[in-house]
Amino acid sequence: MSFAITGPHAAPGAPVRECGGAGEGAPEGAGGYDALVLSADAGLALLRRPGVQTGPVAFDGESGCVQLLVPEGSAEELPGLLEWLEWGGIELGLAGRTAYDPREAAVWLRPPGPGREADRIDLVRLVSAAATECHRARLRSTARKSRDQPLAFS
C-alpha cells in the first residue's frame, strides 16, 4: 500500500510549527514524552527504512511534519547527539520538541501500543537515521529545483 502526503513544508531555518489536533488512540494520562520533528518526506522515508525502530509516530497534514515520540529529555539531547554523530552545523530540518502530549496527534502513522513504547527506542540510532533521511530529503529537493532552472552560459 502506498500513499502520498502533501502539505506545506517549513523553509530551511524556519521554526517548525507544532502539530496539533485531537488524536484518537492516545494513551491515557499521556505525558512524559518529547518528539523529534521532521518533514513528511524525511519522516516517511525513515519509516520505510528496514531495521529502524521507532515508538509512536504522529503526522499533521497542516504543518507537514512527522513527529516521532521519544523519551522525555531527548529533545534537549538532540543538538549534542547531532554534533557527536558529525551532523553539527548542517541544516537538516530536524528539531526536538519538549513536553509533547500524544493526545495532540492529528493522525497516527504508528499508533501507541505494545512493542512501540517510546522509552524503549535506541535514541542514537533513531537520530542517526532521521538525520540521514532529512539530509537525503534536502538533497532531493535541491536536485528537483536545479532541474527546473535553466543553465546559464557565459
N, C-alpha and C. Protein backbone atom coordinates (compact mmCIF):
# COMPACT_ATOMS: atom_id res chain seq x y z
N MET A 1 0.83 -1.16 0.00
CA MET A 1 0.00 0.00 0.00
C MET A 1 0.88 1.23 0.00
N SER A 2 0.61 2.15 -0.88
CA SER A 2 1.36 3.40 -0.89
C SER A 2 0.39 4.56 -0.83
N PHE A 3 0.88 5.65 -0.28
CA PHE A 3 0.06 6.83 -0.20
C PHE A 3 0.96 8.05 -0.24
N ALA A 4 0.41 9.15 -0.62
CA ALA A 4 1.17 10.40 -0.67
C ALA A 4 0.59 11.36 0.34
N ILE A 5 1.47 12.03 1.01
CA ILE A 5 1.05 13.05 1.95
C ILE A 5 1.61 14.36 1.43
N THR A 6 0.74 15.31 1.20
CA THR A 6 1.20 16.60 0.73
C THR A 6 0.87 17.64 1.75
N GLY A 7 1.53 18.73 1.68
CA GLY A 7 1.28 19.83 2.59
C GLY A 7 2.44 20.77 2.59
N PRO A 8 2.28 21.91 3.20
CA PRO A 8 3.36 22.89 3.22
C PRO A 8 4.54 22.39 4.04
N HIS A 9 5.71 22.74 3.60
CA HIS A 9 6.92 22.38 4.33
C HIS A 9 7.55 23.67 4.82
N ALA A 10 8.17 23.61 5.96
CA ALA A 10 8.83 24.79 6.50
C ALA A 10 10.06 25.11 5.68
N ALA A 11 10.31 26.38 5.49
CA ALA A 11 11.51 26.82 4.79
C ALA A 11 12.72 26.48 5.64
N PRO A 12 13.87 26.25 4.99
CA PRO A 12 15.07 25.95 5.77
C PRO A 12 15.35 27.06 6.78
N GLY A 13 15.61 26.65 8.00
CA GLY A 13 15.91 27.59 9.06
C GLY A 13 14.68 28.18 9.73
N ALA A 14 13.50 27.94 9.16
CA ALA A 14 12.27 28.47 9.76
C ALA A 14 11.88 27.59 10.94
N PRO A 15 11.28 28.17 11.97
CA PRO A 15 10.85 27.33 13.09
C PRO A 15 9.76 26.38 12.64
N VAL A 16 9.80 25.18 13.16
CA VAL A 16 8.81 24.17 12.82
C VAL A 16 7.53 24.48 13.58
N ARG A 17 6.40 24.57 12.86
CA ARG A 17 5.13 24.78 13.55
C ARG A 17 4.78 23.50 14.28
N GLU A 18 4.22 23.67 15.43
CA GLU A 18 3.84 22.50 16.21
C GLU A 18 2.62 21.84 15.61
N CYS A 19 2.66 20.53 15.52
CA CYS A 19 1.50 19.79 15.05
C CYS A 19 0.47 19.81 16.15
N GLY A 20 -0.79 19.91 15.80
CA GLY A 20 -1.84 19.95 16.82
C GLY A 20 -3.05 19.18 16.36
N GLY A 21 -4.07 19.18 17.16
CA GLY A 21 -5.30 18.48 16.81
C GLY A 21 -5.59 17.40 17.83
N ALA A 22 -6.79 16.98 17.85
CA ALA A 22 -7.18 15.92 18.78
C ALA A 22 -6.90 14.59 18.14
N GLY A 23 -6.18 13.74 18.81
CA GLY A 23 -5.84 12.44 18.26
C GLY A 23 -6.61 11.33 18.91
N GLU A 24 -6.88 10.32 18.13
CA GLU A 24 -7.54 9.13 18.66
C GLU A 24 -6.47 8.12 18.99
N GLY A 25 -6.72 7.32 19.96
CA GLY A 25 -5.80 6.25 20.30
C GLY A 25 -4.63 6.69 21.15
N ALA A 26 -4.66 7.91 21.67
CA ALA A 26 -3.57 8.37 22.53
C ALA A 26 -3.65 7.67 23.87
N PRO A 27 -2.51 7.40 24.47
CA PRO A 27 -2.52 6.72 25.75
C PRO A 27 -3.20 7.57 26.82
N GLU A 28 -3.87 6.93 27.73
CA GLU A 28 -4.49 7.63 28.85
C GLU A 28 -3.40 8.22 29.73
N GLY A 29 -3.68 9.41 30.28
CA GLY A 29 -2.71 10.05 31.16
C GLY A 29 -1.41 10.33 30.46
N ALA A 30 -1.48 10.66 29.18
CA ALA A 30 -0.29 10.86 28.37
C ALA A 30 0.58 11.97 28.95
N GLY A 31 1.83 11.84 28.75
CA GLY A 31 2.79 12.83 29.21
C GLY A 31 4.14 12.17 29.34
N GLY A 32 5.16 12.96 29.57
CA GLY A 32 6.49 12.41 29.72
C GLY A 32 7.14 12.04 28.41
N TYR A 33 6.75 12.73 27.34
CA TYR A 33 7.33 12.47 26.03
C TYR A 33 7.89 13.75 25.44
N ASP A 34 8.89 13.61 24.61
CA ASP A 34 9.36 14.64 23.71
C ASP A 34 9.10 14.10 22.31
N ALA A 35 9.40 14.89 21.30
CA ALA A 35 9.23 14.42 19.92
C ALA A 35 10.36 14.93 19.05
N LEU A 36 10.77 14.10 18.10
CA LEU A 36 11.65 14.54 17.04
C LEU A 36 10.74 14.96 15.90
N VAL A 37 10.92 16.17 15.39
CA VAL A 37 10.05 16.74 14.37
C VAL A 37 10.83 16.86 13.07
N LEU A 38 10.28 16.31 11.98
CA LEU A 38 10.92 16.37 10.69
C LEU A 38 9.88 16.46 9.59
N SER A 39 10.31 16.79 8.38
CA SER A 39 9.38 16.95 7.27
C SER A 39 8.73 15.61 6.92
N ALA A 40 7.61 15.68 6.22
CA ALA A 40 6.91 14.46 5.82
C ALA A 40 7.79 13.61 4.90
N ASP A 41 8.51 14.25 3.97
CA ASP A 41 9.38 13.48 3.06
C ASP A 41 10.40 12.65 3.84
N ALA A 42 11.08 13.30 4.76
CA ALA A 42 12.10 12.61 5.54
C ALA A 42 11.48 11.61 6.50
N GLY A 43 10.37 11.98 7.12
CA GLY A 43 9.72 11.09 8.08
C GLY A 43 9.20 9.81 7.45
N LEU A 44 8.56 9.94 6.29
CA LEU A 44 8.05 8.74 5.62
C LEU A 44 9.17 7.85 5.11
N ALA A 45 10.27 8.47 4.63
CA ALA A 45 11.43 7.68 4.21
C ALA A 45 12.03 6.94 5.40
N LEU A 46 12.06 7.59 6.55
CA LEU A 46 12.57 6.95 7.76
C LEU A 46 11.71 5.75 8.14
N LEU A 47 10.40 5.89 8.04
CA LEU A 47 9.50 4.79 8.41
C LEU A 47 9.62 3.61 7.45
N ARG A 48 10.05 3.86 6.22
CA ARG A 48 10.24 2.78 5.24
C ARG A 48 11.57 2.07 5.39
N ARG A 49 12.50 2.66 6.13
CA ARG A 49 13.83 2.05 6.29
C ARG A 49 13.73 0.77 7.11
N PRO A 50 14.30 -0.31 6.60
CA PRO A 50 14.29 -1.55 7.39
C PRO A 50 15.22 -1.42 8.60
N GLY A 51 14.79 -2.00 9.70
CA GLY A 51 15.63 -2.05 10.88
C GLY A 51 15.59 -0.83 11.78
N VAL A 52 14.85 0.21 11.39
CA VAL A 52 14.76 1.39 12.24
C VAL A 52 13.58 1.22 13.17
N GLN A 53 13.85 1.18 14.46
CA GLN A 53 12.81 1.01 15.46
C GLN A 53 12.35 2.38 15.94
N THR A 54 11.06 2.60 15.93
CA THR A 54 10.51 3.85 16.44
C THR A 54 9.47 3.55 17.50
N GLY A 55 9.15 4.55 18.27
CA GLY A 55 7.99 4.50 19.14
C GLY A 55 6.80 4.96 18.31
N PRO A 56 5.79 5.49 18.94
CA PRO A 56 4.65 6.02 18.20
C PRO A 56 5.07 7.17 17.29
N VAL A 57 4.40 7.28 16.14
CA VAL A 57 4.71 8.32 15.16
C VAL A 57 3.42 9.01 14.75
N ALA A 58 3.41 10.35 14.85
CA ALA A 58 2.23 11.15 14.50
C ALA A 58 2.55 12.01 13.29
N PHE A 59 1.49 12.38 12.54
CA PHE A 59 1.62 13.26 11.38
C PHE A 59 0.55 14.34 11.44
N ASP A 60 0.92 15.55 11.07
CA ASP A 60 -0.03 16.64 10.96
C ASP A 60 0.04 17.20 9.55
N GLY A 61 -1.01 17.02 8.76
CA GLY A 61 -1.04 17.47 7.38
C GLY A 61 -0.99 18.97 7.23
N GLU A 62 -1.49 19.70 8.21
CA GLU A 62 -1.49 21.16 8.12
C GLU A 62 -0.08 21.73 8.12
N SER A 63 0.76 21.22 8.98
CA SER A 63 2.13 21.73 9.04
C SER A 63 3.10 20.88 8.24
N GLY A 64 2.70 19.69 7.84
CA GLY A 64 3.57 18.81 7.06
C GLY A 64 4.69 18.20 7.87
N CYS A 65 4.47 18.00 9.15
CA CYS A 65 5.54 17.43 9.96
C CYS A 65 5.18 16.05 10.48
N VAL A 66 6.21 15.25 10.64
CA VAL A 66 6.10 13.94 11.26
C VAL A 66 6.77 14.08 12.62
N GLN A 67 6.15 13.54 13.65
CA GLN A 67 6.70 13.62 14.99
C GLN A 67 6.89 12.23 15.56
N LEU A 68 8.13 11.94 15.90
CA LEU A 68 8.49 10.65 16.47
C LEU A 68 8.57 10.81 17.98
N LEU A 69 7.72 10.10 18.70
CA LEU A 69 7.75 10.21 20.16
C LEU A 69 8.99 9.54 20.70
N VAL A 70 9.65 10.26 21.60
CA VAL A 70 10.88 9.78 22.24
C VAL A 70 10.76 10.06 23.74
N PRO A 71 11.61 9.45 24.55
CA PRO A 71 11.51 9.66 26.00
C PRO A 71 11.73 11.13 26.37
N GLU A 72 11.12 11.52 27.47
CA GLU A 72 11.27 12.88 27.98
C GLU A 72 12.75 13.19 28.20
N GLY A 73 13.18 14.38 27.80
CA GLY A 73 14.57 14.79 27.91
C GLY A 73 15.37 14.58 26.64
N SER A 74 14.84 13.82 25.69
CA SER A 74 15.56 13.53 24.46
C SER A 74 15.72 14.76 23.57
N ALA A 75 14.73 15.65 23.57
CA ALA A 75 14.82 16.86 22.74
C ALA A 75 16.00 17.72 23.15
N GLU A 76 16.29 17.75 24.44
CA GLU A 76 17.43 18.53 24.93
C GLU A 76 18.75 17.90 24.51
N GLU A 77 18.77 16.60 24.31
CA GLU A 77 19.98 15.90 23.91
C GLU A 77 20.24 15.98 22.41
N LEU A 78 19.23 16.38 21.62
CA LEU A 78 19.35 16.34 20.16
C LEU A 78 20.55 17.13 19.62
N PRO A 79 20.76 18.39 20.00
CA PRO A 79 21.92 19.11 19.44
C PRO A 79 23.26 18.42 19.72
N GLY A 80 23.43 17.92 20.93
CA GLY A 80 24.67 17.22 21.27
C GLY A 80 24.82 15.91 20.50
N LEU A 81 23.72 15.19 20.34
CA LEU A 81 23.77 13.94 19.56
C LEU A 81 24.13 14.22 18.11
N LEU A 82 23.52 15.24 17.52
CA LEU A 82 23.83 15.58 16.13
C LEU A 82 25.29 15.96 15.98
N GLU A 83 25.82 16.70 16.93
CA GLU A 83 27.23 17.07 16.89
C GLU A 83 28.11 15.82 17.01
N TRP A 84 27.78 14.94 17.94
CA TRP A 84 28.54 13.71 18.15
C TRP A 84 28.49 12.80 16.91
N LEU A 85 27.35 12.79 16.24
CA LEU A 85 27.19 11.98 15.03
C LEU A 85 27.75 12.66 13.78
N GLU A 86 28.41 13.81 13.98
CA GLU A 86 29.05 14.58 12.92
C GLU A 86 28.05 15.20 11.95
N TRP A 87 26.86 15.57 12.45
CA TRP A 87 25.88 16.31 11.67
C TRP A 87 25.82 17.76 12.13
N GLY A 88 26.66 18.15 13.08
CA GLY A 88 26.66 19.51 13.60
C GLY A 88 26.97 20.52 12.51
N GLY A 89 26.26 21.64 12.52
CA GLY A 89 26.50 22.70 11.54
C GLY A 89 25.80 22.48 10.21
N ILE A 90 25.09 21.39 10.05
CA ILE A 90 24.38 21.11 8.80
C ILE A 90 22.90 21.33 9.05
N GLU A 91 22.27 22.16 8.22
CA GLU A 91 20.83 22.42 8.36
C GLU A 91 20.07 21.19 7.85
N LEU A 92 19.43 20.49 8.77
CA LEU A 92 18.75 19.25 8.42
C LEU A 92 17.23 19.39 8.40
N GLY A 93 16.70 20.33 9.12
CA GLY A 93 15.25 20.39 9.28
C GLY A 93 14.77 19.37 10.29
N LEU A 94 15.62 19.01 11.22
CA LEU A 94 15.30 18.06 12.29
C LEU A 94 15.32 18.84 13.60
N ALA A 95 14.22 18.81 14.32
CA ALA A 95 14.12 19.57 15.55
C ALA A 95 13.58 18.69 16.67
N GLY A 96 13.83 19.11 17.88
CA GLY A 96 13.28 18.44 19.04
C GLY A 96 12.16 19.29 19.63
N ARG A 97 11.15 18.65 20.12
CA ARG A 97 10.04 19.34 20.77
C ARG A 97 9.86 18.74 22.15
N THR A 98 9.90 19.59 23.16
CA THR A 98 9.77 19.11 24.53
C THR A 98 8.30 19.04 24.93
N ALA A 99 8.04 18.25 25.92
CA ALA A 99 6.71 18.12 26.52
C ALA A 99 5.62 17.86 25.49
N TYR A 100 5.82 16.87 24.64
CA TYR A 100 4.82 16.51 23.64
C TYR A 100 3.72 15.69 24.30
N ASP A 101 2.50 16.07 24.05
CA ASP A 101 1.35 15.33 24.58
C ASP A 101 0.77 14.50 23.43
N PRO A 102 0.83 13.19 23.48
CA PRO A 102 0.34 12.35 22.39
C PRO A 102 -1.14 12.55 22.06
N ARG A 103 -1.90 13.14 22.96
CA ARG A 103 -3.31 13.41 22.66
C ARG A 103 -3.46 14.50 21.61
N GLU A 104 -2.36 15.20 21.28
CA GLU A 104 -2.39 16.25 20.26
C GLU A 104 -2.25 15.70 18.85
N ALA A 105 -1.93 14.45 18.71
CA ALA A 105 -1.65 13.87 17.38
C ALA A 105 -2.86 14.00 16.46
N ALA A 106 -2.60 14.48 15.24
CA ALA A 106 -3.67 14.62 14.25
C ALA A 106 -3.96 13.26 13.62
N VAL A 107 -2.92 12.57 13.19
CA VAL A 107 -3.04 11.26 12.55
C VAL A 107 -1.89 10.39 13.07
N TRP A 108 -2.20 9.19 13.48
CA TRP A 108 -1.15 8.27 13.90
C TRP A 108 -0.68 7.47 12.70
N LEU A 109 0.61 7.56 12.38
CA LEU A 109 1.20 6.69 11.35
C LEU A 109 1.61 5.37 11.97
N ARG A 110 2.07 5.42 13.19
CA ARG A 110 2.36 4.25 14.02
C ARG A 110 1.76 4.55 15.39
N PRO A 111 0.58 4.04 15.66
CA PRO A 111 -0.09 4.38 16.92
C PRO A 111 0.61 3.77 18.13
N PRO A 112 0.37 4.36 19.29
CA PRO A 112 0.92 3.78 20.51
C PRO A 112 0.36 2.37 20.71
N GLY A 113 1.15 1.51 21.26
CA GLY A 113 0.70 0.15 21.53
C GLY A 113 1.85 -0.72 21.95
N PRO A 114 1.57 -1.96 22.23
CA PRO A 114 2.62 -2.89 22.63
C PRO A 114 3.71 -2.99 21.57
N GLY A 115 4.96 -2.93 22.02
CA GLY A 115 6.09 -3.01 21.11
C GLY A 115 6.49 -1.67 20.52
N ARG A 116 5.73 -0.63 20.81
CA ARG A 116 6.05 0.71 20.30
C ARG A 116 6.18 1.72 21.44
N GLU A 117 6.78 1.30 22.51
CA GLU A 117 6.96 2.20 23.64
C GLU A 117 8.10 3.16 23.31
N ALA A 118 7.85 4.45 23.50
CA ALA A 118 8.85 5.48 23.19
C ALA A 118 10.10 5.33 24.04
N ASP A 119 9.95 4.82 25.26
CA ASP A 119 11.10 4.72 26.15
C ASP A 119 11.98 3.51 25.87
N ARG A 120 11.64 2.72 24.87
CA ARG A 120 12.43 1.51 24.57
C ARG A 120 13.24 1.65 23.29
N ILE A 121 13.22 2.83 22.66
CA ILE A 121 13.96 3.01 21.41
C ILE A 121 15.42 3.31 21.68
N ASP A 122 16.25 3.06 20.68
CA ASP A 122 17.67 3.42 20.74
C ASP A 122 17.77 4.83 20.14
N LEU A 123 17.87 5.83 20.99
CA LEU A 123 17.83 7.22 20.55
C LEU A 123 18.96 7.56 19.58
N VAL A 124 20.15 7.05 19.82
CA VAL A 124 21.29 7.35 18.95
C VAL A 124 21.03 6.82 17.54
N ARG A 125 20.57 5.59 17.43
CA ARG A 125 20.28 5.02 16.10
C ARG A 125 19.14 5.76 15.41
N LEU A 126 18.11 6.12 16.17
CA LEU A 126 16.97 6.83 15.59
C LEU A 126 17.39 8.21 15.10
N VAL A 127 18.15 8.95 15.89
CA VAL A 127 18.60 10.28 15.47
C VAL A 127 19.52 10.18 14.26
N SER A 128 20.40 9.19 14.24
CA SER A 128 21.29 8.99 13.10
C SER A 128 20.49 8.74 11.82
N ALA A 129 19.52 7.83 11.90
CA ALA A 129 18.70 7.52 10.72
C ALA A 129 17.85 8.72 10.32
N ALA A 130 17.29 9.45 11.30
CA ALA A 130 16.47 10.63 10.99
C ALA A 130 17.31 11.71 10.33
N ALA A 131 18.53 11.95 10.82
CA ALA A 131 19.41 12.95 10.23
C ALA A 131 19.76 12.58 8.79
N THR A 132 20.03 11.31 8.56
CA THR A 132 20.34 10.85 7.20
C THR A 132 19.17 11.08 6.27
N GLU A 133 17.96 10.73 6.69
CA GLU A 133 16.79 10.92 5.83
C GLU A 133 16.46 12.40 5.63
N CYS A 134 16.68 13.23 6.63
CA CYS A 134 16.47 14.67 6.47
C CYS A 134 17.45 15.22 5.44
N HIS A 135 18.70 14.79 5.50
CA HIS A 135 19.71 15.24 4.54
C HIS A 135 19.36 14.77 3.13
N ARG A 136 18.95 13.52 3.00
CA ARG A 136 18.56 13.00 1.68
C ARG A 136 17.37 13.76 1.11
N ALA A 137 16.39 14.07 1.96
CA ALA A 137 15.21 14.82 1.50
C ALA A 137 15.62 16.21 1.01
N ARG A 138 16.54 16.86 1.71
CA ARG A 138 17.02 18.18 1.27
C ARG A 138 17.77 18.07 -0.05
N LEU A 139 18.58 17.03 -0.22
CA LEU A 139 19.29 16.84 -1.48
C LEU A 139 18.32 16.59 -2.64
N ARG A 140 17.29 15.77 -2.39
CA ARG A 140 16.29 15.52 -3.44
C ARG A 140 15.56 16.81 -3.81
N SER A 141 15.23 17.60 -2.82
CA SER A 141 14.54 18.86 -3.06
C SER A 141 15.41 19.81 -3.88
N THR A 142 16.69 19.88 -3.55
CA THR A 142 17.62 20.73 -4.29
C THR A 142 17.79 20.24 -5.71
N ALA A 143 17.86 18.92 -5.90
CA ALA A 143 18.01 18.36 -7.25
C ALA A 143 16.79 18.68 -8.10
N ARG A 144 15.58 18.59 -7.53
CA ARG A 144 14.37 18.92 -8.28
C ARG A 144 14.37 20.38 -8.70
N LYS A 145 14.79 21.26 -7.81
CA LYS A 145 14.82 22.69 -8.11
C LYS A 145 15.83 23.00 -9.20
N SER A 146 17.00 22.34 -9.16
CA SER A 146 18.04 22.64 -10.15
C SER A 146 17.66 22.13 -11.54
N ARG A 147 16.84 21.08 -11.63
CA ARG A 147 16.39 20.59 -12.95
C ARG A 147 15.43 21.58 -13.58
N ASP A 148 14.70 22.31 -12.74
CA ASP A 148 13.72 23.28 -13.27
C ASP A 148 14.37 24.59 -13.64
N GLN A 149 15.60 24.82 -13.22
CA GLN A 149 16.27 26.08 -13.51
C GLN A 149 17.15 25.92 -14.75
N PRO A 150 16.96 26.79 -15.75
CA PRO A 150 17.81 26.68 -16.95
C PRO A 150 19.27 27.01 -16.63
N LEU A 151 20.16 26.38 -17.36
CA LEU A 151 21.58 26.64 -17.18
C LEU A 151 21.92 28.00 -17.75
N ALA A 152 22.86 28.67 -17.12
CA ALA A 152 23.33 29.97 -17.63
C ALA A 152 24.70 29.76 -18.25
N PHE A 153 24.87 30.26 -19.44
CA PHE A 153 26.15 30.14 -20.13
C PHE A 153 26.76 31.53 -20.24
N SER A 154 28.06 31.63 -20.14
CA SER A 154 28.69 32.92 -20.32
C SER A 154 29.50 32.96 -21.59
